[in-house]
């Protein structure tokens, strides 16, 4: 079943507003472009900031549910459905790599996953499953779990992490014309530099960095980044895209690791 193929890239997405699921803008156009330029996967594993659980869980649904986990947006967004098939065999394969992972049918694809995939693969023909963020884990544990998923890259599975390097509601400005806060620009550049230098230990311990806690007052939007770093291979090159701080204190900065 898991025949070796070309090593697929791994991608970290700054997903931003749920409206990116239905809008055509510079960010979503880049998502569409990515889908055209990378090999089409046989399945997708998504790690989103928006599914935190007690322990590691996998969406085992035969057909994935669309989770509208937000409020205050236009009706059109709540009507949007993205219901690709699930992949129970992939869930079972991941359980071989992560024996503690449990299959869970209570969730589906939240906006950290479906807003991106709706733009990349609108035909909904690629099976997708989502992996939860265990609230039992330290930052190092999340990174280590990413490493365990590495064999999937050679089995036709595209692994994506979806969050935001900077995610501060306290300091946001709800306007498209808001200028980035100086500390946010500084932190964004610092993280990019560390990614380029493969300084993973510093990135794992981001709370010790200047502005680290200010950038991510709660960890869930930062943690998917650690999974992608854990999946990095020595031959992988880093390419950043959508490199922008919006609404003063949210980073859309994203990157792909590809050999």
C-alpha atoms as a PDB file:
ATOM      1  CA  UNK A   1       0.000   0.000   0.000  1.00  0.00           C
ATOM      2  CA  UNK A   2       2.662   2.507   1.014  1.00  0.00           C
ATOM      3  CA  UNK A   3       4.801   2.364  -2.082  1.00  0.00           C
ATOM      4  CA  UNK A   4       7.818   4.656  -2.025  1.00  0.00           C
ATOM      5  CA  UNK A   5       7.473   7.790  -4.106  1.00  0.00           C
ATOM      6  CA  UNK A   6       9.280  11.071  -4.487  1.00  0.00           C
ATOM      7  CA  UNK A   7       9.818  12.739  -1.127  1.00  0.00           C
ATOM      8  CA  UNK A   8       7.017  15.265  -0.778  1.00  0.00           C
ATOM      9  CA  UNK A   9       7.587  18.718   0.684  1.00  0.00           C
ATOM     10  CA  UNK A  10       6.190  19.807   4.018  1.00  0.00           C
ATOM     11  CA  UNK A  11       4.570  23.203   4.439  1.00  0.00           C
ATOM     12  CA  UNK A  12       3.849  25.579   7.286  1.00  0.00           C
ATOM     13  CA  UNK A  13       0.975  27.958   6.564  1.00  0.00           C
ATOM     14  CA  UNK A  14       0.118  31.177   8.306  1.00  0.00           C
ATOM     15  CA  UNK A  15      -3.620  30.736   7.859  1.00  0.00           C
ATOM     16  CA  UNK A  16      -4.898  34.080   9.121  1.00  0.00           C
ATOM     17  CA  UNK A  17      -8.572  34.993   8.898  1.00  0.00           C
ATOM     18  CA  UNK A  18     -11.210  32.327   8.150  1.00  0.00           C
ATOM     19  CA  UNK A  19     -12.277  34.601   5.271  1.00  0.00           C
ATOM     20  CA  UNK A  20      -9.250  33.298   3.382  1.00  0.00           C
ATOM     21  CA  UNK A  21     -11.346  30.212   2.757  1.00  0.00           C
ATOM     22  CA  UNK A  22     -13.566  32.090   0.299  1.00  0.00           C
ATOM     23  CA  UNK A  23     -11.628  35.221  -0.688  1.00  0.00           C
ATOM     24  CA  UNK A  24      -9.253  35.622  -3.593  1.00  0.00           C
ATOM     25  CA  UNK A  25      -6.318  37.694  -2.384  1.00  0.00           C
ATOM     26  CA  UNK A  26      -2.517  37.651  -2.507  1.00  0.00           C
ATOM     27  CA  UNK A  27      -2.332  34.984   0.188  1.00  0.00           C
ATOM     28  CA  UNK A  28      -4.877  32.597  -1.293  1.00  0.00           C
ATOM     29  CA  UNK A  29      -3.497  33.029  -4.804  1.00  0.00           C
ATOM     30  CA  UNK A  30      -0.160  31.798  -3.472  1.00  0.00           C
ATOM     31  CA  UNK A  31      -1.898  28.766  -1.945  1.00  0.00           C
ATOM     32  CA  UNK A  32      -3.409  27.980  -5.331  1.00  0.00           C
ATOM     33  CA  UNK A  33      -0.020  28.392  -7.010  1.00  0.00           C
ATOM     34  CA  UNK A  34       1.598  25.993  -4.559  1.00  0.00           C
ATOM     35  CA  UNK A  35      -0.878  23.257  -5.447  1.00  0.00           C
ATOM     36  CA  UNK A  36       0.110  23.625  -9.097  1.00  0.00           C
ATOM     37  CA  UNK A  37       3.855  23.487  -8.438  1.00  0.00           C
ATOM     38  CA  UNK A  38       4.211  20.545  -6.033  1.00  0.00           C
ATOM     39  CA  UNK A  39       3.447  16.865  -6.785  1.00  0.00           C
ATOM     40  CA  UNK A  40      -0.175  15.962  -6.175  1.00  0.00           C
ATOM     41  CA  UNK A  41      -0.300  13.916  -2.953  1.00  0.00           C
ATOM     42  CA  UNK A  42      -2.286  10.746  -2.491  1.00  0.00           C
ATOM     43  CA  UNK A  43      -3.377  11.986   0.953  1.00  0.00           C
ATOM     44  CA  UNK A  44      -2.954  15.004   3.206  1.00  0.00           C
ATOM     45  CA  UNK A  45      -2.196  15.140   6.918  1.00  0.00           C
ATOM     46  CA  UNK A  46      -3.081  18.503   8.453  1.00  0.00           C
ATOM     47  CA  UNK A  47      -1.916  19.749  11.846  1.00  0.00           C
ATOM     48  CA  UNK A  48      -4.012  22.761  12.816  1.00  0.00           C
ATOM     49  CA  UNK A  49      -3.842  25.198  15.704  1.00  0.00           C
ATOM     50  CA  UNK A  50      -7.578  24.764  16.204  1.00  0.00           C
ATOM     51  CA  UNK A  51      -7.833  21.185  17.455  1.00  0.00           C
ATOM     52  CA  UNK A  52      -6.411  20.724  20.936  1.00  0.00           C
ATOM     53  CA  UNK A  53      -7.171  17.478  22.782  1.00  0.00           C
ATOM     54  CA  UNK A  54      -6.158  15.465  25.809  1.00  0.00           C
ATOM     55  CA  UNK A  55      -3.744  13.137  24.042  1.00  0.00           C
ATOM     56  CA  UNK A  56      -3.044  12.667  20.331  1.00  0.00           C
ATOM     57  CA  UNK A  57      -6.078  12.114  18.113  1.00  0.00           C
ATOM     58  CA  UNK A  58      -6.777  11.542  14.424  1.00  0.00           C
ATOM     59  CA  UNK A  59      -9.956  12.266  12.493  1.00  0.00           C
ATOM     60  CA  UNK A  60     -11.185   8.846  11.416  1.00  0.00           C
ATOM     61  CA  UNK A  61     -14.287   9.989   9.552  1.00  0.00           C
ATOM     62  CA  UNK A  62     -15.115   8.272   6.268  1.00  0.00           C
ATOM     63  CA  UNK A  63     -16.010  11.732   4.970  1.00  0.00           C
ATOM     64  CA  UNK A  64     -14.621  14.756   6.761  1.00  0.00           C
ATOM     65  CA  UNK A  65     -16.929  17.275   8.389  1.00  0.00           C
ATOM     66  CA  UNK A  66     -16.477  21.013   7.894  1.00  0.00           C
ATOM     67  CA  UNK A  67     -15.974  22.685  11.261  1.00  0.00           C
ATOM     68  CA  UNK A  68     -17.000  26.356  11.360  1.00  0.00           C
ATOM     69  CA  UNK A  69     -15.094  27.154  14.539  1.00  0.00           C
ATOM     70  CA  UNK A  70     -15.445  30.945  14.513  1.00  0.00           C
ATOM     71  CA  UNK A  71     -18.027  33.651  15.004  1.00  0.00           C
ATOM     72  CA  UNK A  72     -19.043  37.012  13.610  1.00  0.00           C
ATOM     73  CA  UNK A  73     -18.342  36.392   9.935  1.00  0.00           C
ATOM     74  CA  UNK A  74     -20.613  36.638   6.854  1.00  0.00           C
ATOM     75  CA  UNK A  75     -23.236  33.954   6.278  1.00  0.00           C
ATOM     76  CA  UNK A  76     -21.478  32.868   3.090  1.00  0.00           C
ATOM     77  CA  UNK A  77     -18.521  31.619   5.117  1.00  0.00           C
ATOM     78  CA  UNK A  78     -20.721  29.392   7.304  1.00  0.00           C
ATOM     79  CA  UNK A  79     -22.329  27.938   4.185  1.00  0.00           C
ATOM     80  CA  UNK A  80     -18.967  26.872   2.809  1.00  0.00           C
ATOM     81  CA  UNK A  81     -18.470  23.113   2.897  1.00  0.00           C
ATOM     82  CA  UNK A  82     -15.235  21.215   2.363  1.00  0.00           C
ATOM     83  CA  UNK A  83     -15.858  17.498   2.759  1.00  0.00           C
ATOM     84  CA  UNK A  84     -13.087  15.396   1.226  1.00  0.00           C
ATOM     85  CA  UNK A  85     -12.847  11.691   2.046  1.00  0.00           C
ATOM     86  CA  UNK A  86     -10.978  10.625   5.120  1.00  0.00           C
ATOM     87  CA  UNK A  87      -8.375   7.875   5.089  1.00  0.00           C
ATOM     88  CA  UNK A  88      -8.656   5.238   7.803  1.00  0.00           C
ATOM     89  CA  UNK A  89      -5.667   3.333   6.424  1.00  0.00           C
ATOM     90  CA  UNK A  90      -3.542   6.445   6.844  1.00  0.00           C
ATOM     91  CA  UNK A  91      -4.823   6.800  10.408  1.00  0.00           C
ATOM     92  CA  UNK A  92      -3.739   3.216  11.064  1.00  0.00           C
ATOM     93  CA  UNK A  93      -0.354   3.892   9.443  1.00  0.00           C
ATOM     94  CA  UNK A  94       0.156   6.876  11.730  1.00  0.00           C
ATOM     95  CA  UNK A  95      -0.728   4.689  14.694  1.00  0.00           C
ATOM     96  CA  UNK A  96       2.198   2.483  13.695  1.00  0.00           C
ATOM     97  CA  UNK A  97       4.445   5.532  13.949  1.00  0.00           C
ATOM     98  CA  UNK A  98       2.684   7.017  16.995  1.00  0.00           C
ATOM     99  CA  UNK A  99       1.095   4.153  18.967  1.00  0.00           C
ATOM    100  CA  UNK A 100      -0.547   6.513  21.465  1.00  0.00           C
ATOM    101  CA  UNK A 101      -2.615   8.212  18.742  1.00  0.00           C
ATOM    102  CA  UNK A 102      -6.356   7.485  18.984  1.00  0.00           C
ATOM    103  CA  UNK A 103      -8.931   7.641  16.205  1.00  0.00           C
ATOM    104  CA  UNK A 104     -11.673  10.168  16.911  1.00  0.00           C
ATOM    105  CA  UNK A 105     -14.792  10.850  14.823  1.00  0.00           C
ATOM    106  CA  UNK A 106     -16.046  13.848  16.815  1.00  0.00           C
ATOM    107  CA  UNK A 107     -14.047  16.437  14.854  1.00  0.00           C
ATOM    108  CA  UNK A 108     -13.405  17.079  11.176  1.00  0.00           C
ATOM    109  CA  UNK A 109     -11.511  19.808   9.362  1.00  0.00           C
ATOM    110  CA  UNK A 110     -11.477  23.136  11.185  1.00  0.00           C
ATOM    111  CA  UNK A 111     -10.706  26.446   9.535  1.00  0.00           C
ATOM    112  CA  UNK A 112      -6.974  26.001  10.094  1.00  0.00           C
ATOM    113  CA  UNK A 113      -7.180  23.168   7.559  1.00  0.00           C
ATOM    114  CA  UNK A 114     -10.133  23.578   5.223  1.00  0.00           C
ATOM    115  CA  UNK A 115      -9.681  27.263   4.401  1.00  0.00           C
ATOM    116  CA  UNK A 116      -6.258  26.449   2.951  1.00  0.00           C
ATOM    117  CA  UNK A 117      -7.222  23.183   1.268  1.00  0.00           C
ATOM    118  CA  UNK A 118     -10.367  24.719  -0.235  1.00  0.00           C
ATOM    119  CA  UNK A 119      -8.070  27.060  -2.152  1.00  0.00           C
ATOM    120  CA  UNK A 120      -5.403  24.491  -3.009  1.00  0.00           C
ATOM    121  CA  UNK A 121      -7.557  21.483  -3.894  1.00  0.00           C
ATOM    122  CA  UNK A 122     -11.122  22.686  -4.513  1.00  0.00           C
ATOM    123  CA  UNK A 123     -12.156  19.397  -6.166  1.00  0.00           C
ATOM    124  CA  UNK A 124     -12.093  17.726  -2.721  1.00  0.00           C
ATOM    125  CA  UNK A 125     -10.694  14.582  -4.300  1.00  0.00           C
ATOM    126  CA  UNK A 126      -7.671  14.061  -2.046  1.00  0.00           C
ATOM    127  CA  UNK A 127      -8.250  12.231   1.257  1.00  0.00           C
ATOM    128  CA  UNK A 128      -7.476  14.389   4.291  1.00  0.00           C
ATOM    129  CA  UNK A 129      -7.071  13.619   7.957  1.00  0.00           C
ATOM    130  CA  UNK A 130      -6.255  15.967  10.809  1.00  0.00           C
ATOM    131  CA  UNK A 131      -3.919  15.377  13.755  1.00  0.00           C
ATOM    132  CA  UNK A 132      -4.683  17.082  17.054  1.00  0.00           C
ATOM    133  CA  UNK A 133      -2.351  19.040  19.323  1.00  0.00           C
ATOM    134  CA  UNK A 134      -2.027  17.170  22.609  1.00  0.00           C
ATOM    135  CA  UNK A 135      -2.366  19.466  25.610  1.00  0.00           C
ATOM    136  CA  UNK A 136      -0.208  16.992  27.561  1.00  0.00           C
ATOM    137  CA  UNK A 137       2.849  17.800  25.455  1.00  0.00           C
ATOM    138  CA  UNK A 138       5.706  20.235  25.877  1.00  0.00           C
ATOM    139  CA  UNK A 139       7.065  22.150  22.893  1.00  0.00           C
ATOM    140  CA  UNK A 140       9.859  19.574  22.651  1.00  0.00           C
ATOM    141  CA  UNK A 141       7.290  16.755  22.606  1.00  0.00           C
ATOM    142  CA  UNK A 142       5.439  18.344  19.675  1.00  0.00           C
ATOM    143  CA  UNK A 143       8.696  18.703  17.754  1.00  0.00           C
ATOM    144  CA  UNK A 144       9.626  15.077  18.461  1.00  0.00           C
ATOM    145  CA  UNK A 145       6.222  13.908  17.280  1.00  0.00           C
ATOM    146  CA  UNK A 146       6.819  15.688  13.993  1.00  0.00           C
ATOM    147  CA  UNK A 147      10.018  13.698  13.542  1.00  0.00           C
ATOM    148  CA  UNK A 148       8.108  10.441  13.961  1.00  0.00           C
ATOM    149  CA  UNK A 149       5.898  11.337  11.003  1.00  0.00           C
ATOM    150  CA  UNK A 150       8.850  11.638   8.609  1.00  0.00           C
ATOM    151  CA  UNK A 151       8.327   8.295   6.774  1.00  0.00           C
ATOM    152  CA  UNK A 152       5.012   9.603   5.430  1.00  0.00           C
ATOM    153  CA  UNK A 153       6.857  12.065   3.191  1.00  0.00           C
ATOM    154  CA  UNK A 154       8.054   9.123   1.086  1.00  0.00           C
ATOM    155  CA  UNK A 155       4.599   7.520   1.052  1.00  0.00           C
ATOM    156  CA  UNK A 156       2.774  10.161  -0.952  1.00  0.00           C
ATOM    157  CA  UNK A 157       1.434  12.107   2.039  1.00  0.00           C
ATOM    158  CA  UNK A 158       1.575  15.897   2.078  1.00  0.00           C
ATOM    159  CA  UNK A 159       1.979  17.120   5.654  1.00  0.00           C
ATOM    160  CA  UNK A 160       0.916  20.664   6.434  1.00  0.00           C
ATOM    161  CA  UNK A 161       1.071  22.663   9.649  1.00  0.00           C
ATOM    162  CA  UNK A 162      -1.341  25.557  10.009  1.00  0.00           C
ATOM    163  CA  UNK A 163      -1.069  28.342  12.562  1.00  0.00           C
ATOM    164  CA  UNK A 164       0.636  31.727  12.834  1.00  0.00           C
ATOM    165  CA  UNK A 165       4.158  32.588  13.946  1.00  0.00           C
ATOM    166  CA  UNK A 166       2.677  35.708  15.547  1.00  0.00           C
ATOM    167  CA  UNK A 167      -0.869  35.536  16.875  1.00  0.00           C
ATOM    168  CA  UNK A 168      -1.747  38.276  19.345  1.00  0.00           C
ATOM    169  CA  UNK A 169      -5.387  39.334  19.597  1.00  0.00           C
ATOM    170  CA  UNK A 170      -4.508  41.732  22.406  1.00  0.00           C
ATOM    171  CA  UNK A 171      -2.450  43.936  20.092  1.00  0.00           C
ATOM    172  CA  UNK A 172      -4.319  43.474  16.823  1.00  0.00           C
ATOM    173  CA  UNK A 173      -6.013  46.206  14.785  1.00  0.00           C
ATOM    174  CA  UNK A 174      -8.989  45.000  12.766  1.00  0.00           C
ATOM    175  CA  UNK A 175      -8.140  46.843   9.580  1.00  0.00           C
ATOM    176  CA  UNK A 176      -6.320  45.983   6.374  1.00  0.00           C
ATOM    177  CA  UNK A 177      -4.274  49.167   6.601  1.00  0.00           C
ATOM    178  CA  UNK A 178      -2.800  48.529  10.055  1.00  0.00           C
ATOM    179  CA  UNK A 179       0.976  48.748  10.118  1.00  0.00           C
ATOM    180  CA  UNK A 180       2.937  45.920  11.742  1.00  0.00           C
ATOM    181  CA  UNK A 181       3.995  46.642  15.285  1.00  0.00           C
ATOM    182  CA  UNK A 182       7.792  47.066  15.373  1.00  0.00           C
ATOM    183  CA  UNK A 183       8.270  44.202  17.819  1.00  0.00           C
ATOM    184  CA  UNK A 184       6.199  41.922  15.541  1.00  0.00           C
ATOM    185  CA  UNK A 185       8.375  42.717  12.531  1.00  0.00           C
ATOM    186  CA  UNK A 186      11.467  42.079  14.606  1.00  0.00           C
ATOM    187  CA  UNK A 187      10.223  38.757  15.926  1.00  0.00           C
ATOM    188  CA  UNK A 188       9.068  37.619  12.491  1.00  0.00           C
ATOM    189  CA  UNK A 189      12.514  38.318  11.032  1.00  0.00           C
ATOM    190  CA  UNK A 190      14.229  36.609  13.959  1.00  0.00           C
ATOM    191  CA  UNK A 191      12.185  33.436  13.527  1.00  0.00           C
ATOM    192  CA  UNK A 192      12.845  33.371   9.782  1.00  0.00           C
ATOM    193  CA  UNK A 193      16.579  33.733  10.411  1.00  0.00           C
ATOM    194  CA  UNK A 194      16.524  30.847  12.891  1.00  0.00           C
ATOM    195  CA  UNK A 195      14.585  28.679  10.438  1.00  0.00           C
ATOM    196  CA  UNK A 196      17.166  29.386   7.746  1.00  0.00           C
ATOM    197  CA  UNK A 197      19.981  28.515  10.160  1.00  0.00           C
ATOM    198  CA  UNK A 198      18.180  25.376  11.409  1.00  0.00           C
ATOM    199  CA  UNK A 199      18.374  26.656  14.981  1.00  0.00           C
ATOM    200  CA  UNK A 200      15.602  24.341  16.062  1.00  0.00           C
ATOM    201  CA  UNK A 201      16.475  24.333  19.765  1.00  0.00           C
ATOM    202  CA  UNK A 202      15.962  28.096  19.922  1.00  0.00           C
ATOM    203  CA  UNK A 203      12.681  27.812  18.031  1.00  0.00           C
ATOM    204  CA  UNK A 204      11.439  25.053  20.312  1.00  0.00           C
ATOM    205  CA  UNK A 205      12.209  27.269  23.303  1.00  0.00           C
ATOM    206  CA  UNK A 206      10.626  30.328  21.703  1.00  0.00           C
ATOM    207  CA  UNK A 207       9.242  31.549  25.045  1.00  0.00           C
ATOM    208  CA  UNK A 208      12.800  32.438  26.026  1.00  0.00           C
ATOM    209  CA  UNK A 209      13.203  34.675  22.979  1.00  0.00           C
ATOM    210  CA  UNK A 210      12.626  38.392  23.204  1.00  0.00           C
ATOM    211  CA  UNK A 211       8.966  38.962  22.267  1.00  0.00           C
ATOM    212  CA  UNK A 212       8.315  35.205  22.122  1.00  0.00           C
ATOM    213  CA  UNK A 213       5.476  35.212  24.656  1.00  0.00           C
ATOM    214  CA  UNK A 214       4.216  38.535  23.351  1.00  0.00           C
ATOM    215  CA  UNK A 215       4.012  37.055  19.856  1.00  0.00           C
ATOM    216  CA  UNK A 216       2.255  33.883  21.022  1.00  0.00           C
ATOM    217  CA  UNK A 217       0.502  34.537  24.357  1.00  0.00           C
ATOM    218  CA  UNK A 218      -0.990  31.056  23.998  1.00  0.00           C
ATOM    219  CA  UNK A 219       1.014  28.351  22.200  1.00  0.00           C
ATOM    220  CA  UNK A 220      -1.499  26.656  19.896  1.00  0.00           C
ATOM    221  CA  UNK A 221      -0.834  28.783  16.792  1.00  0.00           C
ATOM    222  CA  UNK A 222       2.926  28.403  17.138  1.00  0.00           C
ATOM    223  CA  UNK A 223       2.998  24.643  17.771  1.00  0.00           C
ATOM    224  CA  UNK A 224       2.233  23.480  14.181  1.00  0.00           C
ATOM    225  CA  UNK A 225       5.484  25.185  13.187  1.00  0.00           C
ATOM    226  CA  UNK A 226       7.395  22.764  15.421  1.00  0.00           C
ATOM    227  CA  UNK A 227       5.929  19.734  13.640  1.00  0.00           C
ATOM    228  CA  UNK A 228       7.140  21.051  10.296  1.00  0.00           C
ATOM    229  CA  UNK A 229      10.604  21.773  11.689  1.00  0.00           C
ATOM    230  CA  UNK A 230      10.709  18.250  13.109  1.00  0.00           C
ATOM    231  CA  UNK A 231      10.062  16.924   9.600  1.00  0.00           C
ATOM    232  CA  UNK A 232      12.964  18.830   8.050  1.00  0.00           C
ATOM    233  CA  UNK A 233      15.556  16.692   6.282  1.00  0.00           C
ATOM    234  CA  UNK A 234      19.180  17.680   5.718  1.00  0.00           C
ATOM    235  CA  UNK A 235      18.647  18.193   1.978  1.00  0.00           C
ATOM    236  CA  UNK A 236      15.558  20.393   2.396  1.00  0.00           C
ATOM    237  CA  UNK A 237      15.692  23.975   1.251  1.00  0.00           C
ATOM    238  CA  UNK A 238      13.550  26.645   2.890  1.00  0.00           C
ATOM    239  CA  UNK A 239      11.377  28.903   0.745  1.00  0.00           C
ATOM    240  CA  UNK A 240       9.272  31.553   2.474  1.00  0.00           C
ATOM    241  CA  UNK A 241       6.032  32.898   1.042  1.00  0.00           C
ATOM    242  CA  UNK A 242       3.185  35.183   2.148  1.00  0.00           C
ATOM    243  CA  UNK A 243       5.778  36.897   4.309  1.00  0.00           C
ATOM    244  CA  UNK A 244       3.709  39.653   5.851  1.00  0.00           C
ATOM    245  CA  UNK A 245       2.464  40.842   9.250  1.00  0.00           C
ATOM    246  CA  UNK A 246      -1.208  41.841   9.022  1.00  0.00           C
ATOM    247  CA  UNK A 247      -3.601  43.566  11.405  1.00  0.00           C
ATOM    248  CA  UNK A 248      -0.571  44.811  13.380  1.00  0.00           C
ATOM    249  CA  UNK A 249       0.105  41.551  15.241  1.00  0.00           C
ATOM    250  CA  UNK A 250      -0.650  38.510  13.046  1.00  0.00           C
ATOM    251  CA  UNK A 251       1.991  36.919  10.851  1.00  0.00           C
ATOM    252  CA  UNK A 252       0.967  35.275   7.595  1.00  0.00           C
ATOM    253  CA  UNK A 253       4.583  34.210   7.050  1.00  0.00           C
ATOM    254  CA  UNK A 254       4.715  30.680   5.654  1.00  0.00           C
ATOM    255  CA  UNK A 255       7.380  28.373   4.275  1.00  0.00           C
ATOM    256  CA  UNK A 256       7.879  25.179   2.346  1.00  0.00           C
ATOM    257  CA  UNK A 257      10.637  22.629   2.941  1.00  0.00           C
ATOM    258  CA  UNK A 258      11.503  20.834  -0.259  1.00  0.00           C
ATOM    259  CA  UNK A 259      14.476  18.829  -1.443  1.00  0.00           C
END
